[in-house]
Amino acid sequence: MHSPFLLNTVVDHLHTVFDELATSKNVALIINIDPILHEGYIGDELRIRQVLTNLLGNALKFTHQGSVVLEITRTPSDAQQQILTFSVKDSGIGISQAHQQRLFQAFSQADSKITRNYGGSGLGLVISQRLLEAMGSQGINVIK
């Protein structure tokens, strides 16, 4: 449901949820917001939170040292609309190019060792991708 929301409210929520986990793992949790962004937006705040919670949770799950970075920037668009881009980058274990193709298939994980070592079904990325598609987003892209 599209309604007004404050970007800082979303960011504060994510920081509250993940700061303790990051600190306990000695991983830096960094959130960079482009200073030219507006404070308020119209969109589906709940879905945005769900997707970012899943992506940051996965990044922290698979990162044992270094950092997890959330960057929020503006994608060039017309003057009537501002489109945000959310990027999550980490220094985690990574994923091979061959396994990236299966990331967004229901109940599929890149490698069966992942389930044994880290738990989870891999369903979170599928749900996140579908939530983004429902909002008219270009979805999740994996960039190495």
N, C-alpha and C. Protein backbone atom coordinates (compact mmCIF):
# COMPACT_ATOMS: atom_id res chain seq x y z
N MET A 1 0.84 -1.17 0.00
CA MET A 1 0.00 0.00 0.00
C MET A 1 0.89 1.24 0.00
N HIS A 2 0.65 2.11 -0.93
CA HIS A 2 1.44 3.33 -1.03
C HIS A 2 0.91 4.39 -0.10
N SER A 3 1.80 4.91 0.72
CA SER A 3 1.45 5.98 1.65
C SER A 3 2.73 6.76 1.96
N PRO A 4 2.60 7.96 2.51
CA PRO A 4 3.79 8.73 2.84
C PRO A 4 4.62 8.05 3.94
N PHE A 5 5.93 8.13 3.81
CA PHE A 5 6.82 7.62 4.86
C PHE A 5 8.10 8.44 4.86
N LEU A 6 8.79 8.38 5.99
CA LEU A 6 10.06 9.07 6.13
C LEU A 6 11.20 8.08 5.95
N LEU A 7 12.13 8.40 5.08
CA LEU A 7 13.26 7.53 4.81
C LEU A 7 14.07 7.28 6.09
N ASN A 8 14.24 8.30 6.90
CA ASN A 8 15.02 8.15 8.15
C ASN A 8 14.37 7.16 9.10
N THR A 9 13.04 7.05 9.08
CA THR A 9 12.35 6.10 9.94
C THR A 9 12.71 4.67 9.53
N VAL A 10 12.76 4.42 8.24
CA VAL A 10 13.14 3.09 7.74
C VAL A 10 14.58 2.79 8.14
N VAL A 11 15.46 3.73 7.93
CA VAL A 11 16.88 3.54 8.24
C VAL A 11 17.09 3.33 9.74
N ASP A 12 16.42 4.12 10.56
CA ASP A 12 16.54 3.96 12.01
C ASP A 12 16.07 2.57 12.45
N HIS A 13 14.98 2.09 11.86
CA HIS A 13 14.46 0.76 12.17
C HIS A 13 15.51 -0.31 11.82
N LEU A 14 16.08 -0.22 10.64
CA LEU A 14 17.08 -1.21 10.21
C LEU A 14 18.31 -1.17 11.12
N HIS A 15 18.73 0.01 11.48
CA HIS A 15 19.88 0.14 12.38
C HIS A 15 19.59 -0.51 13.72
N THR A 16 18.40 -0.27 14.24
CA THR A 16 17.99 -0.86 15.53
C THR A 16 17.97 -2.38 15.46
N VAL A 17 17.45 -2.91 14.37
CA VAL A 17 17.33 -4.37 14.22
C VAL A 17 18.69 -5.04 14.09
N PHE A 18 19.62 -4.42 13.36
CA PHE A 18 20.86 -5.12 13.00
C PHE A 18 22.12 -4.67 13.72
N ASP A 19 22.09 -3.58 14.42
CA ASP A 19 23.31 -3.07 15.05
C ASP A 19 23.91 -4.05 16.05
N GLU A 20 23.09 -4.63 16.89
CA GLU A 20 23.61 -5.56 17.91
C GLU A 20 24.25 -6.80 17.27
N LEU A 21 23.59 -7.36 16.24
CA LEU A 21 24.15 -8.53 15.56
C LEU A 21 25.49 -8.18 14.91
N ALA A 22 25.53 -7.06 14.22
CA ALA A 22 26.78 -6.65 13.57
C ALA A 22 27.89 -6.45 14.60
N THR A 23 27.57 -5.79 15.69
CA THR A 23 28.55 -5.55 16.74
C THR A 23 29.04 -6.86 17.34
N SER A 24 28.13 -7.80 17.58
CA SER A 24 28.53 -9.08 18.17
C SER A 24 29.44 -9.89 17.24
N LYS A 25 29.32 -9.67 15.94
CA LYS A 25 30.16 -10.38 14.96
C LYS A 25 31.41 -9.58 14.61
N ASN A 26 31.53 -8.39 15.21
CA ASN A 26 32.64 -7.49 14.89
C ASN A 26 32.66 -7.13 13.40
N VAL A 27 31.47 -6.92 12.86
CA VAL A 27 31.28 -6.52 11.47
C VAL A 27 30.73 -5.10 11.48
N ALA A 28 31.31 -4.23 10.67
CA ALA A 28 30.83 -2.85 10.60
C ALA A 28 29.53 -2.80 9.80
N LEU A 29 28.51 -2.22 10.38
CA LEU A 29 27.24 -1.98 9.68
C LEU A 29 27.23 -0.50 9.30
N ILE A 30 27.28 -0.24 8.00
CA ILE A 30 27.40 1.13 7.50
C ILE A 30 26.17 1.44 6.66
N ILE A 31 25.54 2.56 6.94
CA ILE A 31 24.38 3.00 6.16
C ILE A 31 24.70 4.37 5.59
N ASN A 32 24.78 4.42 4.25
CA ASN A 32 25.07 5.67 3.55
C ASN A 32 23.84 6.13 2.79
N ILE A 33 23.39 7.33 3.09
CA ILE A 33 22.24 7.91 2.40
C ILE A 33 22.75 9.11 1.60
N ASP A 34 22.47 9.13 0.32
CA ASP A 34 22.85 10.25 -0.53
C ASP A 34 22.26 11.53 0.06
N PRO A 35 23.08 12.54 0.32
CA PRO A 35 22.58 13.75 0.98
C PRO A 35 21.56 14.54 0.14
N ILE A 36 21.46 14.29 -1.14
CA ILE A 36 20.50 15.03 -1.96
C ILE A 36 19.08 14.45 -1.89
N LEU A 37 18.93 13.33 -1.19
CA LEU A 37 17.61 12.70 -1.11
C LEU A 37 16.67 13.52 -0.23
N HIS A 38 15.40 13.43 -0.58
CA HIS A 38 14.37 14.07 0.24
C HIS A 38 14.16 13.24 1.50
N GLU A 39 13.51 13.81 2.47
CA GLU A 39 13.22 13.08 3.70
C GLU A 39 11.98 12.21 3.57
N GLY A 40 10.98 12.72 2.87
CA GLY A 40 9.72 11.99 2.75
C GLY A 40 9.47 11.44 1.36
N TYR A 41 8.82 10.28 1.33
CA TYR A 41 8.49 9.62 0.06
C TYR A 41 7.11 9.01 0.16
N ILE A 42 6.59 8.64 -0.99
CA ILE A 42 5.34 7.88 -1.04
C ILE A 42 5.69 6.52 -1.62
N GLY A 43 5.32 5.48 -0.90
CA GLY A 43 5.62 4.13 -1.34
C GLY A 43 5.10 3.14 -0.32
N ASP A 44 5.54 1.91 -0.45
CA ASP A 44 5.11 0.85 0.47
C ASP A 44 6.22 0.62 1.49
N GLU A 45 6.15 1.38 2.57
CA GLU A 45 7.20 1.32 3.59
C GLU A 45 7.37 -0.09 4.17
N LEU A 46 6.28 -0.78 4.41
CA LEU A 46 6.35 -2.11 4.99
C LEU A 46 7.11 -3.07 4.08
N ARG A 47 6.79 -3.06 2.80
CA ARG A 47 7.50 -3.95 1.87
C ARG A 47 8.96 -3.57 1.74
N ILE A 48 9.25 -2.29 1.71
CA ILE A 48 10.64 -1.84 1.64
C ILE A 48 11.40 -2.34 2.86
N ARG A 49 10.80 -2.21 4.04
CA ARG A 49 11.43 -2.72 5.26
C ARG A 49 11.65 -4.22 5.19
N GLN A 50 10.64 -4.96 4.71
CA GLN A 50 10.76 -6.42 4.62
C GLN A 50 11.93 -6.82 3.72
N VAL A 51 12.01 -6.20 2.57
CA VAL A 51 13.07 -6.55 1.62
C VAL A 51 14.44 -6.19 2.20
N LEU A 52 14.57 -4.99 2.73
CA LEU A 52 15.87 -4.58 3.28
C LEU A 52 16.24 -5.40 4.51
N THR A 53 15.27 -5.77 5.31
CA THR A 53 15.53 -6.63 6.46
C THR A 53 16.08 -7.98 6.00
N ASN A 54 15.49 -8.53 4.96
CA ASN A 54 15.97 -9.81 4.44
C ASN A 54 17.37 -9.68 3.85
N LEU A 55 17.60 -8.65 3.06
CA LEU A 55 18.91 -8.49 2.42
C LEU A 55 20.01 -8.21 3.44
N LEU A 56 19.74 -7.34 4.41
CA LEU A 56 20.74 -7.08 5.44
C LEU A 56 20.96 -8.30 6.33
N GLY A 57 19.88 -9.01 6.64
CA GLY A 57 20.01 -10.23 7.44
C GLY A 57 20.88 -11.26 6.75
N ASN A 58 20.65 -11.46 5.44
CA ASN A 58 21.48 -12.39 4.68
C ASN A 58 22.94 -11.93 4.64
N ALA A 59 23.13 -10.64 4.39
CA ALA A 59 24.49 -10.12 4.32
C ALA A 59 25.24 -10.34 5.63
N LEU A 60 24.57 -10.09 6.74
CA LEU A 60 25.22 -10.29 8.04
C LEU A 60 25.41 -11.77 8.35
N LYS A 61 24.49 -12.61 7.90
CA LYS A 61 24.61 -14.05 8.14
C LYS A 61 25.88 -14.60 7.48
N PHE A 62 26.18 -14.11 6.29
CA PHE A 62 27.29 -14.66 5.51
C PHE A 62 28.56 -13.82 5.58
N THR A 63 28.59 -12.82 6.46
CA THR A 63 29.78 -11.99 6.62
C THR A 63 30.35 -12.23 8.01
N HIS A 64 31.60 -12.66 8.05
CA HIS A 64 32.26 -12.98 9.32
C HIS A 64 33.30 -11.94 9.72
N GLN A 65 33.68 -11.11 8.76
CA GLN A 65 34.61 -10.02 9.06
C GLN A 65 34.42 -8.96 7.98
N GLY A 66 34.81 -7.76 8.32
CA GLY A 66 34.69 -6.68 7.35
C GLY A 66 33.45 -5.85 7.59
N SER A 67 32.62 -5.71 6.54
CA SER A 67 31.49 -4.79 6.65
C SER A 67 30.30 -5.22 5.81
N VAL A 68 29.16 -4.66 6.20
CA VAL A 68 27.93 -4.74 5.43
C VAL A 68 27.50 -3.28 5.25
N VAL A 69 27.26 -2.90 4.00
CA VAL A 69 26.95 -1.52 3.68
C VAL A 69 25.61 -1.43 2.97
N LEU A 70 24.73 -0.58 3.48
CA LEU A 70 23.48 -0.24 2.79
C LEU A 70 23.66 1.15 2.23
N GLU A 71 23.51 1.28 0.91
CA GLU A 71 23.59 2.59 0.26
C GLU A 71 22.23 2.91 -0.33
N ILE A 72 21.78 4.13 -0.10
CA ILE A 72 20.51 4.58 -0.66
C ILE A 72 20.82 5.80 -1.52
N THR A 73 20.51 5.67 -2.81
CA THR A 73 20.79 6.73 -3.77
C THR A 73 19.55 6.98 -4.62
N ARG A 74 19.64 7.99 -5.43
CA ARG A 74 18.55 8.33 -6.34
C ARG A 74 18.93 7.90 -7.75
N THR A 75 17.99 7.26 -8.42
CA THR A 75 18.17 6.90 -9.82
C THR A 75 17.65 8.06 -10.65
N PRO A 76 18.41 8.52 -11.64
CA PRO A 76 17.92 9.62 -12.46
C PRO A 76 16.54 9.30 -13.05
N SER A 77 15.62 10.27 -12.92
CA SER A 77 14.28 10.11 -13.46
C SER A 77 13.72 11.50 -13.74
N ASP A 78 12.47 11.55 -14.13
CA ASP A 78 11.88 12.86 -14.44
C ASP A 78 11.68 13.69 -13.17
N ALA A 79 11.36 14.94 -13.35
CA ALA A 79 11.24 15.86 -12.23
C ALA A 79 10.06 15.55 -11.33
N GLN A 80 9.05 14.83 -11.82
CA GLN A 80 7.86 14.52 -11.04
C GLN A 80 8.07 13.37 -10.06
N GLN A 81 9.08 12.58 -10.29
CA GLN A 81 9.23 11.35 -9.53
C GLN A 81 10.69 11.14 -9.16
N GLN A 82 10.93 10.69 -7.95
CA GLN A 82 12.28 10.31 -7.54
C GLN A 82 12.28 8.82 -7.26
N ILE A 83 13.13 8.10 -7.95
CA ILE A 83 13.24 6.65 -7.76
C ILE A 83 14.48 6.37 -6.93
N LEU A 84 14.29 5.60 -5.87
CA LEU A 84 15.40 5.27 -4.98
C LEU A 84 16.02 3.93 -5.37
N THR A 85 17.31 3.84 -5.19
CA THR A 85 18.03 2.59 -5.38
C THR A 85 18.65 2.22 -4.03
N PHE A 86 18.38 1.00 -3.60
CA PHE A 86 18.93 0.48 -2.35
C PHE A 86 19.96 -0.59 -2.73
N SER A 87 21.17 -0.44 -2.26
CA SER A 87 22.23 -1.40 -2.55
C SER A 87 22.78 -1.95 -1.25
N VAL A 88 22.91 -3.26 -1.18
CA VAL A 88 23.52 -3.90 -0.03
C VAL A 88 24.80 -4.57 -0.52
N LYS A 89 25.90 -4.18 0.09
CA LYS A 89 27.21 -4.73 -0.26
C LYS A 89 27.82 -5.33 0.98
N ASP A 90 28.52 -6.44 0.83
CA ASP A 90 29.16 -7.05 2.00
C ASP A 90 30.48 -7.66 1.62
N SER A 91 31.25 -7.99 2.63
CA SER A 91 32.54 -8.64 2.43
C SER A 91 32.44 -10.11 2.83
N GLY A 92 31.25 -10.67 2.64
CA GLY A 92 30.97 -12.05 3.04
C GLY A 92 31.57 -13.09 2.11
N ILE A 93 31.03 -14.31 2.22
CA ILE A 93 31.61 -15.47 1.53
C ILE A 93 31.41 -15.45 0.03
N GLY A 94 30.48 -14.64 -0.47
CA GLY A 94 30.26 -14.54 -1.91
C GLY A 94 29.47 -15.72 -2.45
N ILE A 95 29.17 -15.64 -3.73
CA ILE A 95 28.42 -16.70 -4.40
C ILE A 95 28.90 -16.78 -5.84
N SER A 96 29.08 -17.99 -6.31
CA SER A 96 29.60 -18.18 -7.66
C SER A 96 28.59 -17.72 -8.70
N GLN A 97 29.08 -17.36 -9.87
CA GLN A 97 28.23 -16.94 -10.99
C GLN A 97 27.22 -18.02 -11.33
N ALA A 98 27.65 -19.27 -11.32
CA ALA A 98 26.75 -20.38 -11.67
C ALA A 98 25.59 -20.50 -10.69
N HIS A 99 25.85 -20.26 -9.41
CA HIS A 99 24.81 -20.38 -8.40
C HIS A 99 23.89 -19.16 -8.33
N GLN A 100 24.34 -18.03 -8.85
CA GLN A 100 23.51 -16.82 -8.82
C GLN A 100 22.20 -17.00 -9.59
N GLN A 101 22.22 -17.82 -10.62
CA GLN A 101 21.03 -18.03 -11.45
C GLN A 101 19.89 -18.67 -10.67
N ARG A 102 20.22 -19.43 -9.62
CA ARG A 102 19.19 -20.16 -8.86
C ARG A 102 18.72 -19.42 -7.61
N LEU A 103 19.29 -18.28 -7.34
CA LEU A 103 18.98 -17.57 -6.09
C LEU A 103 17.50 -17.23 -5.93
N PHE A 104 16.81 -16.97 -7.01
CA PHE A 104 15.44 -16.48 -6.92
C PHE A 104 14.41 -17.55 -7.27
N GLN A 105 14.81 -18.81 -7.18
CA GLN A 105 13.89 -19.93 -7.36
C GLN A 105 13.44 -20.39 -5.97
N ALA A 106 12.15 -20.62 -5.83
CA ALA A 106 11.61 -21.00 -4.52
C ALA A 106 12.29 -22.25 -3.98
N PHE A 107 12.63 -22.19 -2.70
CA PHE A 107 13.24 -23.30 -1.96
C PHE A 107 14.52 -23.80 -2.61
N SER A 108 15.28 -22.90 -3.16
CA SER A 108 16.54 -23.27 -3.77
C SER A 108 17.64 -22.45 -3.12
N GLN A 109 18.72 -23.12 -2.80
CA GLN A 109 19.89 -22.40 -2.33
C GLN A 109 21.03 -22.69 -3.27
N ALA A 110 21.98 -21.82 -3.25
CA ALA A 110 23.10 -21.94 -4.17
C ALA A 110 23.85 -23.24 -3.98
N ASP A 111 23.99 -23.67 -2.76
CA ASP A 111 24.82 -24.82 -2.44
C ASP A 111 24.23 -25.49 -1.21
N SER A 112 24.10 -26.81 -1.23
CA SER A 112 23.50 -27.50 -0.09
C SER A 112 24.33 -27.33 1.18
N LYS A 113 25.62 -27.05 1.06
CA LYS A 113 26.45 -26.80 2.23
C LYS A 113 26.00 -25.54 2.96
N ILE A 114 25.42 -24.60 2.22
CA ILE A 114 24.95 -23.36 2.84
C ILE A 114 23.87 -23.67 3.88
N THR A 115 22.91 -24.53 3.51
CA THR A 115 21.83 -24.88 4.43
C THR A 115 22.40 -25.54 5.68
N ARG A 116 23.35 -26.46 5.51
CA ARG A 116 23.95 -27.14 6.66
C ARG A 116 24.72 -26.16 7.55
N ASN A 117 25.47 -25.27 6.94
CA ASN A 117 26.33 -24.37 7.71
C ASN A 117 25.62 -23.14 8.25
N TYR A 118 24.63 -22.63 7.52
CA TYR A 118 24.02 -21.36 7.90
C TYR A 118 22.53 -21.44 8.17
N GLY A 119 21.88 -22.50 7.79
CA GLY A 119 20.44 -22.63 7.98
C GLY A 119 19.67 -21.84 6.95
N GLY A 120 18.36 -22.00 6.97
CA GLY A 120 17.49 -21.28 6.04
C GLY A 120 17.17 -22.09 4.81
N SER A 121 16.09 -21.68 4.16
CA SER A 121 15.62 -22.39 2.97
C SER A 121 15.94 -21.66 1.69
N GLY A 122 16.38 -20.41 1.77
CA GLY A 122 16.61 -19.62 0.58
C GLY A 122 15.34 -18.94 0.08
N LEU A 123 14.25 -19.11 0.79
CA LEU A 123 12.96 -18.56 0.36
C LEU A 123 12.90 -17.04 0.51
N GLY A 124 13.66 -16.48 1.41
CA GLY A 124 13.61 -15.04 1.66
C GLY A 124 13.90 -14.20 0.44
N LEU A 125 14.86 -14.62 -0.37
CA LEU A 125 15.18 -13.86 -1.58
C LEU A 125 14.06 -13.95 -2.60
N VAL A 126 13.42 -15.09 -2.68
CA VAL A 126 12.29 -15.25 -3.61
C VAL A 126 11.15 -14.32 -3.19
N ILE A 127 10.83 -14.32 -1.91
CA ILE A 127 9.77 -13.45 -1.40
C ILE A 127 10.13 -11.99 -1.64
N SER A 128 11.36 -11.62 -1.37
CA SER A 128 11.80 -10.24 -1.58
C SER A 128 11.68 -9.84 -3.04
N GLN A 129 12.09 -10.71 -3.93
CA GLN A 129 12.00 -10.42 -5.36
C GLN A 129 10.54 -10.20 -5.77
N ARG A 130 9.65 -11.03 -5.27
CA ARG A 130 8.22 -10.91 -5.61
C ARG A 130 7.61 -9.65 -5.01
N LEU A 131 8.01 -9.30 -3.80
CA LEU A 131 7.53 -8.05 -3.20
C LEU A 131 7.94 -6.85 -4.05
N LEU A 132 9.18 -6.86 -4.49
CA LEU A 132 9.67 -5.76 -5.31
C LEU A 132 8.94 -5.69 -6.64
N GLU A 133 8.71 -6.83 -7.26
CA GLU A 133 7.97 -6.87 -8.52
C GLU A 133 6.56 -6.33 -8.33
N ALA A 134 5.93 -6.65 -7.20
CA ALA A 134 4.57 -6.17 -6.92
C ALA A 134 4.55 -4.65 -6.77
N MET A 135 5.67 -4.06 -6.37
CA MET A 135 5.75 -2.60 -6.23
C MET A 135 6.16 -1.93 -7.54
N GLY A 136 6.39 -2.71 -8.59
CA GLY A 136 6.80 -2.13 -9.86
C GLY A 136 8.28 -1.87 -9.97
N SER A 137 9.05 -2.48 -9.09
CA SER A 137 10.50 -2.30 -9.07
C SER A 137 11.17 -3.16 -10.15
N GLN A 138 12.41 -2.82 -10.43
CA GLN A 138 13.20 -3.64 -11.33
C GLN A 138 13.71 -4.89 -10.64
N GLY A 139 13.51 -5.01 -9.35
CA GLY A 139 13.87 -6.21 -8.62
C GLY A 139 15.29 -6.19 -8.10
N ILE A 140 15.74 -7.37 -7.71
CA ILE A 140 17.07 -7.52 -7.11
C ILE A 140 18.06 -7.94 -8.19
N ASN A 141 19.19 -7.30 -8.18
CA ASN A 141 20.29 -7.65 -9.08
C ASN A 141 21.47 -8.05 -8.24
N VAL A 142 22.15 -9.11 -8.64
CA VAL A 142 23.36 -9.54 -7.96
C VAL A 142 24.54 -9.06 -8.79
N ILE A 143 25.39 -8.26 -8.17
CA ILE A 143 26.56 -7.73 -8.86
C ILE A 143 27.78 -8.17 -8.07
N LYS A 144 28.69 -8.74 -8.77
CA LYS A 144 29.90 -9.22 -8.11
C LYS A 144 30.97 -8.19 -8.11
